[in-house]
């Protein structure tokens, strides 16, 4: 494995690998990236972790102490970036187990009917009200289920795009995305007609970016964001749906 030269005092002379977490904190995927980059390394090899997230300064050394990796050096390199030099311990089994656990993780939500045409969703430490499946009334008390669907897509894309730009240290001044959803036949959902289906068959939109970077670079990052978005992939690829009913 090729080593990258690091010229500075009081830190490792060489590193065997490096990764950039951008704005990710330890609880949002940074540790998984670190584990993945550590897997090919030998015991005592050094991984350079680059980060712009302030909370990592406390959380990453604490994690290293817990799992017995050695935090060898921490360096503030300017432009909101901090470099962490971590020497790997020799337990690949734990690294592999952690990655498999993440791959098999299941996100959960629970909804409780509020009466009428509303329900409250509970997920982790959050709750929010969901209105009708689809509504044409501009004065509804709660967003419709379809609006939550396309908002989830928009949020996933916007935050994913920002994170990938942060990895490249690209300064962002403003990001905004607008999406429009077209349902195949909403009358099918209402039971008025029996042709077509009630699902969204087309989503169009526009991303607006104000950033210090060439358009070609932004377009490359945007394409990767689309290809790797969990919500976009859920909509594009076939998803198995199996929801059983139980009487209480």
Protein backbone atom coordinates (compact mmCIF):
# COMPACT_ATOMS: atom_id res chain seq x y z
CA UNK A 1 0.00 0.00 0.00
CA UNK A 2 1.41 3.38 -0.99
CA UNK A 3 2.10 5.76 1.88
CA UNK A 4 1.44 9.49 1.57
CA UNK A 5 4.15 11.74 2.96
CA UNK A 6 3.11 14.04 5.82
CA UNK A 7 5.70 16.68 6.62
CA UNK A 8 5.24 18.13 10.10
CA UNK A 9 6.58 17.60 13.56
CA UNK A 10 4.84 15.80 16.43
CA UNK A 11 2.72 13.70 14.12
CA UNK A 12 3.24 10.49 12.09
CA UNK A 13 5.79 10.81 9.33
CA UNK A 14 3.63 8.73 6.98
CA UNK A 15 -0.01 7.79 6.67
CA UNK A 16 -1.17 4.68 4.87
CA UNK A 17 -4.66 5.95 3.96
CA UNK A 18 -6.89 8.97 4.30
CA UNK A 19 -10.57 9.85 4.16
CA UNK A 20 -12.61 13.05 4.25
CA UNK A 21 -15.80 13.20 6.29
CA UNK A 22 -16.68 16.76 5.33
CA UNK A 23 -19.47 17.99 7.61
CA UNK A 24 -20.52 14.54 8.86
CA UNK A 25 -20.56 14.04 12.61
CA UNK A 26 -19.68 10.74 14.24
CA UNK A 27 -23.31 9.70 14.58
CA UNK A 28 -24.19 10.42 10.94
CA UNK A 29 -21.84 8.07 9.15
CA UNK A 30 -18.29 9.34 9.76
CA UNK A 31 -17.39 6.32 11.89
CA UNK A 32 -18.59 3.98 9.14
CA UNK A 33 -16.37 5.76 6.62
CA UNK A 34 -13.44 5.45 9.01
CA UNK A 35 -14.09 1.76 9.61
CA UNK A 36 -14.27 1.10 5.87
CA UNK A 37 -10.94 2.84 5.24
CA UNK A 38 -9.32 1.00 8.15
CA UNK A 39 -10.22 -2.48 6.93
CA UNK A 40 -7.37 -2.80 4.36
CA UNK A 41 -4.79 -1.42 6.82
CA UNK A 42 -2.38 -3.44 8.91
CA UNK A 43 -2.13 -3.11 12.67
CA UNK A 44 -0.46 0.20 13.64
CA UNK A 45 -0.94 1.68 10.16
CA UNK A 46 -2.12 5.27 10.28
CA UNK A 47 -5.34 6.66 8.84
CA UNK A 48 -5.66 10.40 8.26
CA UNK A 49 -9.23 11.59 8.84
CA UNK A 50 -10.18 15.04 7.55
CA UNK A 51 -13.24 16.77 9.00
CA UNK A 52 -15.00 20.13 9.08
CA UNK A 53 -17.47 19.19 11.84
CA UNK A 54 -16.66 20.77 15.20
CA UNK A 55 -18.25 18.02 17.34
CA UNK A 56 -15.78 15.49 15.92
CA UNK A 57 -13.02 17.11 17.99
CA UNK A 58 -14.52 15.57 21.13
CA UNK A 59 -16.37 12.56 19.76
CA UNK A 60 -13.65 10.98 17.62
CA UNK A 61 -10.92 10.82 20.32
CA UNK A 62 -13.53 9.40 22.71
CA UNK A 63 -14.46 6.72 20.17
CA UNK A 64 -10.79 5.85 19.66
CA UNK A 65 -10.33 5.37 23.40
CA UNK A 66 -13.40 3.16 23.55
CA UNK A 67 -12.40 0.84 20.69
CA UNK A 68 -8.64 0.98 21.43
CA UNK A 69 -7.49 2.72 18.27
CA UNK A 70 -4.74 5.25 19.04
CA UNK A 71 -5.35 8.94 18.33
CA UNK A 72 -1.78 9.96 17.54
CA UNK A 73 -2.22 13.60 16.59
CA UNK A 74 -4.90 16.24 16.03
CA UNK A 75 -4.14 19.27 13.89
CA UNK A 76 -6.15 22.36 12.99
CA UNK A 77 -5.20 23.08 9.37
CA UNK A 78 -7.42 26.14 8.81
CA UNK A 79 -10.52 26.72 6.68
CA UNK A 80 -12.58 24.93 9.37
CA UNK A 81 -10.67 21.71 8.71
CA UNK A 82 -9.17 19.46 11.36
CA UNK A 83 -6.91 16.49 10.64
CA UNK A 84 -6.92 13.40 12.89
CA UNK A 85 -4.15 10.80 12.72
CA UNK A 86 -5.35 7.41 13.99
CA UNK A 87 -3.25 4.27 14.38
CA UNK A 88 -5.27 1.13 13.79
CA UNK A 89 -5.53 -1.68 16.29
CA UNK A 90 -5.44 -5.20 14.87
CA UNK A 91 -9.09 -6.32 15.13
CA UNK A 92 -10.65 -6.52 11.65
CA UNK A 93 -13.50 -8.70 12.92
CA UNK A 94 -15.01 -5.82 14.87
CA UNK A 95 -14.66 -3.43 11.91
CA UNK A 96 -16.41 -5.91 9.61
CA UNK A 97 -19.15 -6.55 12.18
CA UNK A 98 -19.85 -2.82 12.55
CA UNK A 99 -20.13 -2.35 8.79
CA UNK A 100 -22.49 -5.33 8.46
CA UNK A 101 -24.61 -4.00 11.32
CA UNK A 102 -24.94 -0.67 9.51
CA UNK A 103 -25.83 -2.38 6.22
CA UNK A 104 -28.60 -4.36 7.93
CA UNK A 105 -29.97 -1.48 10.01
CA UNK A 106 -33.74 -0.94 9.79
CA UNK A 107 -35.23 2.52 10.18
CA UNK A 108 -38.56 2.57 11.99
CA UNK A 109 -41.58 4.82 12.22
CA UNK A 110 -44.89 4.50 14.06
CA UNK A 111 -48.03 6.44 13.20
CA UNK A 112 -51.08 6.92 15.40
CA UNK A 113 -54.41 8.06 14.01
CA UNK A 114 -55.49 11.43 15.44
CA UNK A 115 -59.08 11.23 14.28
CA UNK A 116 -60.39 12.65 11.05
CA UNK A 117 -57.85 12.80 8.24
CA UNK A 118 -54.68 13.20 10.29
CA UNK A 119 -52.08 10.99 11.95
CA UNK A 120 -48.96 11.66 14.01
CA UNK A 121 -45.72 9.99 13.03
CA UNK A 122 -43.14 9.07 15.69
CA UNK A 123 -39.58 8.28 14.63
CA UNK A 124 -36.58 8.31 16.99
CA UNK A 125 -37.00 11.52 19.05
CA UNK A 126 -39.12 13.29 16.43
CA UNK A 127 -42.82 13.55 15.73
CA UNK A 128 -44.80 15.25 12.98
CA UNK A 129 -48.37 15.35 11.69
CA UNK A 130 -49.29 13.77 8.36
CA UNK A 131 -52.47 14.92 6.62
CA UNK A 132 -54.44 13.35 3.80
CA UNK A 133 -52.80 11.07 1.27
CA UNK A 134 -53.24 13.74 -1.39
CA UNK A 135 -55.05 17.04 -1.05
CA UNK A 136 -55.87 19.94 -3.35
CA UNK A 137 -56.79 22.34 -0.54
CA UNK A 138 -54.16 25.05 0.01
CA UNK A 139 -55.34 25.59 3.61
CA UNK A 140 -54.93 22.08 5.02
CA UNK A 141 -53.75 21.80 8.63
CA UNK A 142 -51.01 19.32 7.75
CA UNK A 143 -48.96 18.40 4.67
CA UNK A 144 -50.24 15.48 2.62
CA UNK A 145 -48.43 12.16 2.46
CA UNK A 146 -47.29 12.88 -1.11
CA UNK A 147 -45.84 16.23 0.01
CA UNK A 148 -43.87 14.45 2.72
CA UNK A 149 -42.66 11.98 0.09
CA UNK A 150 -41.23 14.59 -2.27
CA UNK A 151 -39.98 16.67 0.67
CA UNK A 152 -38.06 13.63 1.89
CA UNK A 153 -36.51 13.29 -1.56
CA UNK A 154 -35.67 17.00 -1.71
CA UNK A 155 -34.13 16.95 1.77
CA UNK A 156 -32.10 13.83 1.03
CA UNK A 157 -30.70 15.35 -2.16
CA UNK A 158 -30.02 18.78 -0.71
CA UNK A 159 -28.21 17.54 2.39
CA UNK A 160 -26.36 14.85 0.43
CA UNK A 161 -25.19 17.42 -2.12
CA UNK A 162 -24.03 19.79 0.61
CA UNK A 163 -22.09 17.03 2.35
CA UNK A 164 -20.26 16.00 -0.82
CA UNK A 165 -19.35 19.62 -1.50
CA UNK A 166 -18.05 19.93 2.06
CA UNK A 167 -15.70 17.00 1.39
CA UNK A 168 -14.16 19.05 -1.41
CA UNK A 169 -14.03 22.17 0.78
CA UNK A 170 -16.30 24.00 -1.67
CA UNK A 171 -17.84 27.09 -0.10
CA UNK A 172 -21.64 27.22 -0.39
CA UNK A 173 -23.62 30.43 -0.02
CA UNK A 174 -27.09 29.16 -0.83
CA UNK A 175 -28.84 25.94 -1.84
CA UNK A 176 -32.48 25.52 -2.81
CA UNK A 177 -34.42 22.78 -4.55
CA UNK A 178 -37.94 22.77 -5.97
CA UNK A 179 -39.74 19.52 -6.84
CA UNK A 180 -43.04 18.82 -8.59
CA UNK A 181 -44.82 15.45 -8.41
CA UNK A 182 -47.31 14.15 -10.96
CA UNK A 183 -49.64 11.35 -9.86
CA UNK A 184 -50.72 8.88 -12.53
CA UNK A 185 -54.42 9.05 -11.60
CA UNK A 186 -55.49 10.39 -8.21
CA UNK A 187 -59.07 9.42 -9.07
CA UNK A 188 -57.98 5.78 -8.69
CA UNK A 189 -57.14 6.45 -5.02
CA UNK A 190 -60.51 8.13 -4.50
CA UNK A 191 -62.34 5.16 -6.05
CA UNK A 192 -63.83 7.35 -8.77
CA UNK A 193 -62.03 5.51 -11.58
CA UNK A 194 -60.40 2.09 -11.97
CA UNK A 195 -57.79 2.91 -14.59
CA UNK A 196 -54.12 3.65 -14.04
CA UNK A 197 -52.76 3.82 -10.50
CA UNK A 198 -52.52 6.31 -7.65
CA UNK A 199 -48.74 6.48 -7.48
CA UNK A 200 -46.38 9.25 -8.47
CA UNK A 201 -45.09 8.52 -11.98
CA UNK A 202 -42.99 11.64 -12.56
CA UNK A 203 -40.96 14.00 -10.39
CA UNK A 204 -39.34 17.04 -11.94
CA UNK A 205 -37.48 19.89 -10.33
CA UNK A 206 -34.68 22.39 -10.23
CA UNK A 207 -31.65 22.76 -7.97
CA UNK A 208 -30.32 26.27 -7.39
CA UNK A 209 -26.69 26.53 -6.27
CA UNK A 210 -24.61 29.52 -5.23
CA UNK A 211 -21.07 28.23 -4.65
CA UNK A 212 -17.47 29.09 -5.43
CA UNK A 213 -16.83 26.36 -7.98
CA UNK A 214 -16.92 25.59 -11.70
CA UNK A 215 -20.27 24.40 -13.06
CA UNK A 216 -18.74 21.18 -14.38
CA UNK A 217 -17.54 20.20 -10.89
CA UNK A 218 -20.90 21.01 -9.33
CA UNK A 219 -22.66 18.91 -11.98
CA UNK A 220 -20.37 15.94 -11.28
CA UNK A 221 -21.07 16.14 -7.54
CA UNK A 222 -24.79 16.52 -8.21
CA UNK A 223 -24.87 13.43 -10.42
CA UNK A 224 -23.14 11.38 -7.71
CA UNK A 225 -25.65 12.72 -5.17
CA UNK A 226 -28.55 11.54 -7.34
CA UNK A 227 -26.97 8.13 -7.88
CA UNK A 228 -26.30 7.53 -4.16
CA UNK A 229 -29.39 9.11 -2.58
CA UNK A 230 -31.28 6.56 -0.39
CA UNK A 231 -34.65 8.15 -1.15
CA UNK A 232 -34.00 8.55 -4.88
CA UNK A 233 -32.92 4.91 -5.09
CA UNK A 234 -36.06 3.87 -3.22
CA UNK A 235 -38.21 5.62 -5.83
CA UNK A 236 -36.19 4.43 -8.83
CA UNK A 237 -35.69 0.79 -7.85
CA UNK A 238 -38.30 -1.81 -7.08
CA UNK A 239 -39.03 -1.91 -3.34
CA UNK A 240 -40.61 -4.95 -1.75
CA UNK A 241 -43.70 -3.92 0.22
CA UNK A 242 -45.05 -6.34 2.81
CA UNK A 243 -47.31 -4.84 5.48
CA UNK A 244 -49.59 -7.20 7.39
CA UNK A 245 -52.76 -6.25 9.25
CA UNK A 246 -53.48 -7.32 12.82
CA UNK A 247 -56.70 -6.70 14.66
CA UNK A 248 -56.32 -5.32 18.21
